[in-house]
Amino acid sequence: MKKVWVGLLLGSLLLAGCATSPKSSASKTSQKATSTKVAAKQAASQKNTASSDSSSPAEATLWNTGKEAALSTFMAAWQREMGQTYVGTYDDKVPDHLGFRFPNALLNGNLAGRIKWGSQSVDLKWSKDGEDRSEFQVVAVATGGKAEAQYPNTYFFCLHHRRPVVLVTQTTNGDELIIHDTQNSALQAGFAKIITGSRPTTLTDSSLNVNMSRDAKANQWPQGYQGTWYYYNKYDHKINSMTQNDTDGLKLSYVAAEGQKWIHIMGAEQTAGAWFDNNAYPSAAAANQMRDWQYGDESKTSPAADSLD
């Protein structure tokens, strides 16, 4: 995740002088002294006010009422676009995820030790200003989805080490609440902009795969997938890596299976081989954390392997 910093803007203080009236020299001197004292008192008062304003919680904290209102506005537009409806803490509502009512479920300890982010147990802390230095600070929660959905989506708007991230759960049963980073790039980018003031660049499926068919036909490795990738090997229980930037000795094709498009990779002289069905990530830490996670659009039995042979 891109590292961001929040800065403060400090305003300048401008003082206006006082003019003296055309009286005697003594009066002018006295009036000038009085005016100077008044101006000094005004300056001191304005300086104190400016200092107080610049350090007020509403301006200095990572989360405040202004950002809460901005999230409310953003979510109203986002859910209309998605054709969904959400109840959010940012509207002074109480989201209810299968009996867990927020923010109380985070405040009263009902979820302590019961939340997993991939394979990692985490502790979500409710925060009013994002400044308590916990690893995961939840500043807002929204629950909802499509009207016909059997189970709700619940989004946690978090500061993870003070960096914005939106986590989601679709847990339907069991003692653990399983969360993961939402794959909705518009939601992630929208929340990040509210926190940092700038919208980050996101790589969507469309942008990653924009020239996939062309690249496969030209037998060149797609740019979006170049570099080193890490994955958890369930057979040796280790994090392995692979680096791929070219197609020397490889043969690529672009095929459809199970309603999705795939890059099919084989050796240049290969006619059959093993099926790789792991998820790979840009870092070893992410691969370890998400090693047991399966995304909603993944096949659970890998029947696509047969259609690609």
Protein backbone atom coordinates (compact mmCIF):
# COMPACT_ATOMS: atom_id res chain seq x y z
CA MET A 1 0.00 0.00 0.00
CA LYS A 2 1.28 3.44 -0.86
CA LYS A 3 2.58 5.32 2.14
CA VAL A 4 0.86 8.60 2.76
CA TRP A 5 1.35 11.43 5.18
CA VAL A 6 -1.10 13.99 6.44
CA GLY A 7 0.21 17.55 6.75
CA LEU A 8 -1.19 20.68 8.40
CA LEU A 9 -1.61 24.05 6.71
CA LEU A 10 -0.72 27.00 8.92
CA GLY A 11 -2.22 30.39 8.10
CA SER A 12 -0.48 33.78 8.35
CA LEU A 13 -1.56 36.49 10.77
CA LEU A 14 -2.08 39.99 9.31
CA LEU A 15 -2.32 43.02 11.64
CA ALA A 16 -3.72 46.46 10.74
CA GLY A 17 -2.31 49.65 12.33
CA CYS A 18 -4.39 52.41 13.99
CA ALA A 19 -4.29 56.05 12.77
CA THR A 20 -4.03 59.00 15.24
CA SER A 21 -6.27 62.07 15.19
CA PRO A 22 -4.78 65.59 14.51
CA LYS A 23 -4.58 66.92 18.13
CA SER A 24 -1.84 68.31 20.35
CA SER A 25 1.57 66.68 20.44
CA ALA A 26 0.93 65.34 23.93
CA SER A 27 -2.45 63.93 22.89
CA LYS A 28 -0.86 62.32 19.85
CA THR A 29 1.82 60.72 22.02
CA SER A 30 -0.73 59.48 24.54
CA GLN A 31 -3.07 58.28 21.81
CA LYS A 32 -0.22 56.55 20.01
CA ALA A 33 0.78 54.73 23.19
CA THR A 34 -2.83 53.71 23.77
CA SER A 35 -3.21 52.56 20.16
CA THR A 36 0.00 50.57 20.43
CA LYS A 37 -1.27 48.83 23.57
CA VAL A 38 -4.62 48.06 21.94
CA ALA A 39 -2.93 46.71 18.81
CA ALA A 40 -0.60 44.59 20.94
CA LYS A 41 -3.53 43.15 22.89
CA GLN A 42 -5.41 42.45 19.64
CA ALA A 43 -2.35 40.78 18.16
CA ALA A 44 -1.89 38.60 21.25
CA SER A 45 -5.57 37.63 21.19
CA GLN A 46 -5.50 36.82 17.46
CA LYS A 47 -2.26 34.86 17.85
CA ASN A 48 -3.74 32.75 20.64
CA THR A 49 -6.88 32.13 18.57
CA ALA A 50 -4.84 31.16 15.51
CA SER A 51 -2.70 28.82 17.61
CA SER A 52 -5.79 27.22 19.10
CA ASP A 53 -7.42 26.78 15.66
CA SER A 54 -4.33 25.24 14.06
CA SER A 55 -4.07 22.57 16.74
CA SER A 56 -7.78 21.81 17.09
CA PRO A 57 -8.72 18.10 16.87
CA ALA A 58 -10.97 18.76 13.87
CA GLU A 59 -7.95 19.83 11.81
CA ALA A 60 -5.08 17.79 13.26
CA THR A 61 -6.56 14.29 13.61
CA LEU A 62 -6.67 11.62 10.93
CA TRP A 63 -10.42 11.23 11.46
CA ASN A 64 -12.93 13.95 12.37
CA THR A 65 -16.51 15.09 11.78
CA GLY A 66 -15.63 16.69 8.45
CA LYS A 67 -14.21 13.43 7.09
CA GLU A 68 -17.15 11.51 8.50
CA ALA A 69 -19.50 13.78 6.54
CA ALA A 70 -17.36 13.29 3.42
CA LEU A 71 -17.61 9.51 3.81
CA SER A 72 -21.39 9.77 4.16
CA THR A 73 -21.60 11.74 0.89
CA PHE A 74 -19.24 9.34 -0.89
CA MET A 75 -21.10 6.22 0.27
CA ALA A 76 -24.46 7.64 -0.81
CA ALA A 77 -23.11 8.05 -4.37
CA TRP A 78 -21.15 4.77 -4.37
CA GLN A 79 -24.05 2.60 -3.24
CA ARG A 80 -26.35 4.14 -5.87
CA GLU A 81 -23.81 3.26 -8.53
CA MET A 82 -23.51 -0.28 -7.15
CA GLY A 83 -27.29 -0.73 -6.88
CA GLN A 84 -26.94 -1.51 -3.19
CA THR A 85 -28.05 -0.03 0.13
CA TYR A 86 -25.92 0.39 3.26
CA VAL A 87 -26.45 1.47 6.86
CA GLY A 88 -23.40 3.32 8.17
CA THR A 89 -22.07 4.72 11.42
CA TYR A 90 -21.19 7.85 9.42
CA ASP A 91 -24.96 8.57 9.30
CA ASP A 92 -25.37 7.98 13.05
CA LYS A 93 -26.93 4.58 12.28
CA VAL A 94 -26.16 1.21 13.89
CA PRO A 95 -24.98 -1.37 11.29
CA ASP A 96 -26.04 -4.92 12.24
CA HIS A 97 -23.98 -7.80 10.83
CA LEU A 98 -25.79 -11.01 11.76
CA GLY A 99 -26.30 -9.86 15.33
CA PHE A 100 -23.07 -7.91 15.71
CA ARG A 101 -24.09 -4.27 16.13
CA PHE A 102 -21.44 -1.64 15.49
CA PRO A 103 -19.61 0.11 16.98
CA ASN A 104 -20.68 -1.65 20.23
CA ALA A 105 -19.41 -5.05 19.07
CA LEU A 106 -15.92 -3.53 18.92
CA LEU A 107 -16.26 -1.52 22.11
CA ASN A 108 -17.65 -4.24 24.39
CA GLY A 109 -15.11 -6.93 23.47
CA ASN A 110 -17.62 -9.35 21.89
CA LEU A 111 -15.27 -9.86 18.93
CA ALA A 112 -12.01 -10.02 20.90
CA GLY A 113 -9.88 -12.88 19.58
CA ARG A 114 -12.46 -13.79 16.96
CA ILE A 115 -11.34 -11.75 13.93
CA LYS A 116 -8.96 -13.10 11.29
CA TRP A 117 -7.41 -11.14 8.44
CA GLY A 118 -6.54 -13.95 6.08
CA SER A 119 -4.56 -16.37 8.29
CA GLN A 120 -3.63 -13.66 10.82
CA SER A 121 -5.61 -12.99 14.00
CA VAL A 122 -6.17 -9.25 14.42
CA ASP A 123 -7.77 -6.94 16.91
CA LEU A 124 -9.98 -4.21 15.46
CA LYS A 125 -10.23 -1.15 17.71
CA TRP A 126 -12.96 1.45 17.41
CA SER A 127 -11.49 4.97 17.20
CA LYS A 128 -13.14 8.39 17.18
CA ASP A 129 -10.14 10.25 15.77
CA GLY A 130 -7.71 7.66 14.37
CA GLU A 131 -5.03 8.71 16.84
CA ASP A 132 -4.83 5.93 19.44
CA ARG A 133 -1.90 4.20 17.68
CA SER A 134 -3.55 0.76 17.56
CA GLU A 135 -2.56 -1.38 14.55
CA PHE A 136 -6.13 -1.48 13.25
CA GLN A 137 -8.28 1.55 14.05
CA VAL A 138 -11.85 1.34 12.76
CA VAL A 139 -13.32 4.80 12.20
CA ALA A 140 -16.54 3.75 10.42
CA VAL A 141 -18.60 0.64 9.62
CA ALA A 142 -21.23 0.03 6.93
CA THR A 143 -23.48 -3.02 6.50
CA GLY A 144 -25.77 -3.84 3.59
CA GLY A 145 -25.73 -5.01 0.00
CA LYS A 146 -28.24 -5.88 -2.69
CA ALA A 147 -31.88 -6.19 -1.66
CA GLU A 148 -32.07 -9.85 -2.68
CA ALA A 149 -28.80 -10.86 -0.94
CA GLN A 150 -29.20 -13.57 1.71
CA TYR A 151 -26.26 -12.35 3.80
CA PRO A 152 -24.90 -8.83 4.23
CA ASN A 153 -21.54 -7.31 3.37
CA THR A 154 -19.94 -5.35 6.17
CA TYR A 155 -17.18 -2.87 5.44
CA PHE A 156 -14.70 -1.68 8.06
CA PHE A 157 -13.10 1.66 7.21
CA CYS A 158 -9.74 1.32 8.91
CA LEU A 159 -6.42 2.97 9.54
CA HIS A 160 -3.82 0.20 9.42
CA HIS A 161 -0.65 1.69 10.88
CA ARG A 162 -2.29 5.07 10.10
CA ARG A 163 -2.81 4.16 6.42
CA PRO A 164 -6.34 3.92 4.96
CA VAL A 165 -7.71 0.51 4.03
CA VAL A 166 -11.25 -0.83 3.64
CA LEU A 167 -11.78 -4.38 4.95
CA VAL A 168 -14.86 -6.47 4.25
CA THR A 169 -16.50 -9.56 5.71
CA GLN A 170 -19.18 -11.82 4.29
CA THR A 171 -19.03 -14.31 7.14
CA THR A 172 -22.29 -16.23 7.47
CA ASN A 173 -21.59 -18.56 10.41
CA GLY A 174 -18.96 -19.82 12.82
CA ASP A 175 -17.21 -18.23 15.74
CA GLU A 176 -14.70 -16.23 13.68
CA LEU A 177 -15.22 -13.11 11.63
CA ILE A 178 -13.07 -13.50 8.50
CA ILE A 179 -12.07 -10.20 6.90
CA HIS A 180 -10.02 -9.27 3.85
CA ASP A 181 -9.20 -6.15 1.84
CA THR A 182 -12.11 -5.27 -0.39
CA GLN A 183 -11.39 -5.76 -4.08
CA ASN A 184 -13.60 -2.79 -4.98
CA SER A 185 -10.96 -0.30 -6.10
CA ALA A 186 -13.41 2.64 -6.16
CA LEU A 187 -14.23 2.09 -2.49
CA GLN A 188 -10.57 1.78 -1.48
CA ALA A 189 -9.55 4.87 -3.48
CA GLY A 190 -12.53 6.92 -2.27
CA PHE A 191 -11.76 6.29 1.39
CA ALA A 192 -8.05 6.95 0.84
CA LYS A 193 -8.84 10.33 -0.71
CA ILE A 194 -10.99 11.30 2.28
CA ILE A 195 -8.14 10.45 4.66
CA THR A 196 -5.18 11.83 2.70
CA GLY A 197 -6.68 14.43 0.39
CA SER A 198 -5.51 12.71 -2.80
CA ARG A 199 -6.89 9.78 -4.75
CA PRO A 200 -4.32 6.99 -5.22
CA THR A 201 -3.74 5.22 -8.51
CA THR A 202 -5.34 1.79 -8.47
CA LEU A 203 -4.75 -1.21 -10.68
CA THR A 204 -8.09 -2.76 -11.64
CA ASP A 205 -8.64 -6.05 -13.45
CA SER A 206 -9.28 -4.06 -16.62
CA SER A 207 -6.05 -2.08 -16.37
CA LEU A 208 -3.97 -5.17 -15.54
CA ASN A 209 -5.42 -7.16 -18.42
CA VAL A 210 -5.84 -4.38 -20.99
CA ASN A 211 -3.47 -5.91 -23.57
CA MET A 212 -3.58 -9.53 -22.41
CA SER A 213 -4.88 -11.01 -25.65
CA ARG A 214 -2.37 -9.04 -27.73
CA ASP A 215 0.54 -9.93 -25.42
CA ALA A 216 -0.31 -13.63 -25.39
CA LYS A 217 -0.57 -13.71 -29.17
CA ALA A 218 2.80 -11.98 -29.45
CA ASN A 219 4.19 -14.43 -26.85
CA GLN A 220 5.37 -11.64 -24.57
CA TRP A 221 4.92 -11.52 -20.81
CA PRO A 222 2.17 -9.01 -19.86
CA GLN A 223 3.59 -5.88 -18.24
CA GLY A 224 1.12 -5.95 -15.36
CA TYR A 225 2.44 -9.32 -14.23
CA GLN A 226 6.16 -8.73 -14.52
CA GLY A 227 8.41 -8.84 -11.45
CA THR A 228 8.69 -11.16 -8.46
CA TRP A 229 5.60 -12.83 -7.02
CA TYR A 230 5.25 -14.83 -3.80
CA TYR A 231 2.92 -17.69 -2.96
CA TYR A 232 2.37 -20.20 -0.17
CA ASN A 233 3.14 -23.77 -1.17
CA LYS A 234 0.71 -26.02 0.69
CA TYR A 235 2.91 -29.06 0.08
CA ASP A 236 6.19 -27.88 1.63
CA HIS A 237 4.44 -25.24 3.83
CA LYS A 238 6.83 -22.53 2.71
CA ILE A 239 6.61 -19.20 0.90
CA ASN A 240 8.03 -19.63 -2.58
CA SER A 241 8.70 -16.99 -5.20
CA MET A 242 8.88 -16.70 -8.94
CA THR A 243 10.25 -13.90 -11.09
CA GLN A 244 9.00 -13.55 -14.63
CA ASN A 245 9.77 -10.76 -17.07
CA ASP A 246 10.09 -12.54 -20.41
CA THR A 247 8.89 -15.64 -22.24
CA ASP A 248 12.19 -17.33 -23.10
CA GLY A 249 11.40 -21.03 -23.41
CA LEU A 250 7.68 -20.45 -22.85
CA LYS A 251 4.56 -20.56 -24.98
CA LEU A 252 1.55 -18.38 -24.05
CA SER A 253 -2.07 -18.53 -25.07
CA TYR A 254 -5.17 -16.65 -23.92
CA VAL A 255 -8.18 -18.87 -23.35
CA ALA A 256 -11.62 -18.79 -21.73
CA ALA A 257 -12.70 -21.15 -18.96
CA GLU A 258 -15.49 -20.95 -16.37
CA GLY A 259 -16.58 -17.57 -17.64
CA GLN A 260 -13.13 -16.01 -17.21
CA LYS A 261 -10.09 -15.41 -19.38
CA TRP A 262 -6.79 -17.04 -18.47
CA ILE A 263 -3.16 -16.84 -19.54
CA HIS A 264 -2.15 -20.42 -20.29
CA ILE A 265 1.60 -20.90 -19.83
CA MET A 266 3.53 -23.91 -21.09
CA GLY A 267 7.07 -24.73 -22.06
CA ALA A 268 7.86 -24.05 -25.70
CA GLU A 269 7.98 -27.81 -26.43
CA GLN A 270 5.57 -28.88 -23.68
CA THR A 271 2.38 -30.81 -24.41
CA ALA A 272 1.20 -31.50 -20.84
CA GLY A 273 2.15 -30.51 -17.33
CA ALA A 274 1.17 -29.66 -13.75
CA TRP A 275 -1.59 -27.24 -12.78
CA PHE A 276 -0.57 -24.25 -10.63
CA ASP A 277 -3.56 -23.13 -8.55
CA ASN A 278 -2.01 -20.82 -5.97
CA ASN A 279 -2.62 -17.11 -5.45
CA ALA A 280 0.53 -15.04 -5.78
CA TYR A 281 1.21 -11.66 -4.14
CA PRO A 282 3.80 -8.86 -4.54
CA SER A 283 5.30 -9.52 -1.08
CA ALA A 284 6.16 -12.58 1.01
CA ALA A 285 4.32 -11.10 4.00
CA ALA A 286 1.08 -10.80 2.01
CA ALA A 287 1.44 -14.34 0.65
CA ASN A 288 1.85 -15.71 4.17
CA GLN A 289 -1.05 -13.69 5.56
CA MET A 290 -3.46 -14.71 2.79
CA ARG A 291 -2.16 -18.26 2.33
CA ASP A 292 -5.46 -19.97 3.19
CA TRP A 293 -7.73 -17.41 1.57
CA GLN A 294 -9.92 -18.19 -1.43
CA TYR A 295 -11.63 -15.34 -3.24
CA GLY A 296 -15.30 -15.50 -4.08
CA ASP A 297 -14.83 -15.91 -7.83
CA GLU A 298 -12.32 -18.75 -7.52
CA SER A 299 -13.08 -22.35 -8.34
CA LYS A 300 -12.84 -24.56 -5.28
CA THR A 301 -11.96 -27.67 -7.28
CA SER A 302 -9.87 -26.20 -10.14
CA PRO A 303 -11.91 -27.83 -12.94
CA ALA A 304 -10.51 -25.12 -15.23
CA ALA A 305 -7.34 -27.18 -15.45
CA ASP A 306 -9.08 -29.75 -17.59
CA SER A 307 -10.40 -27.16 -20.01
CA LEU A 308 -6.95 -25.64 -20.45
CA ASP A 309 -5.03 -28.85 -21.18
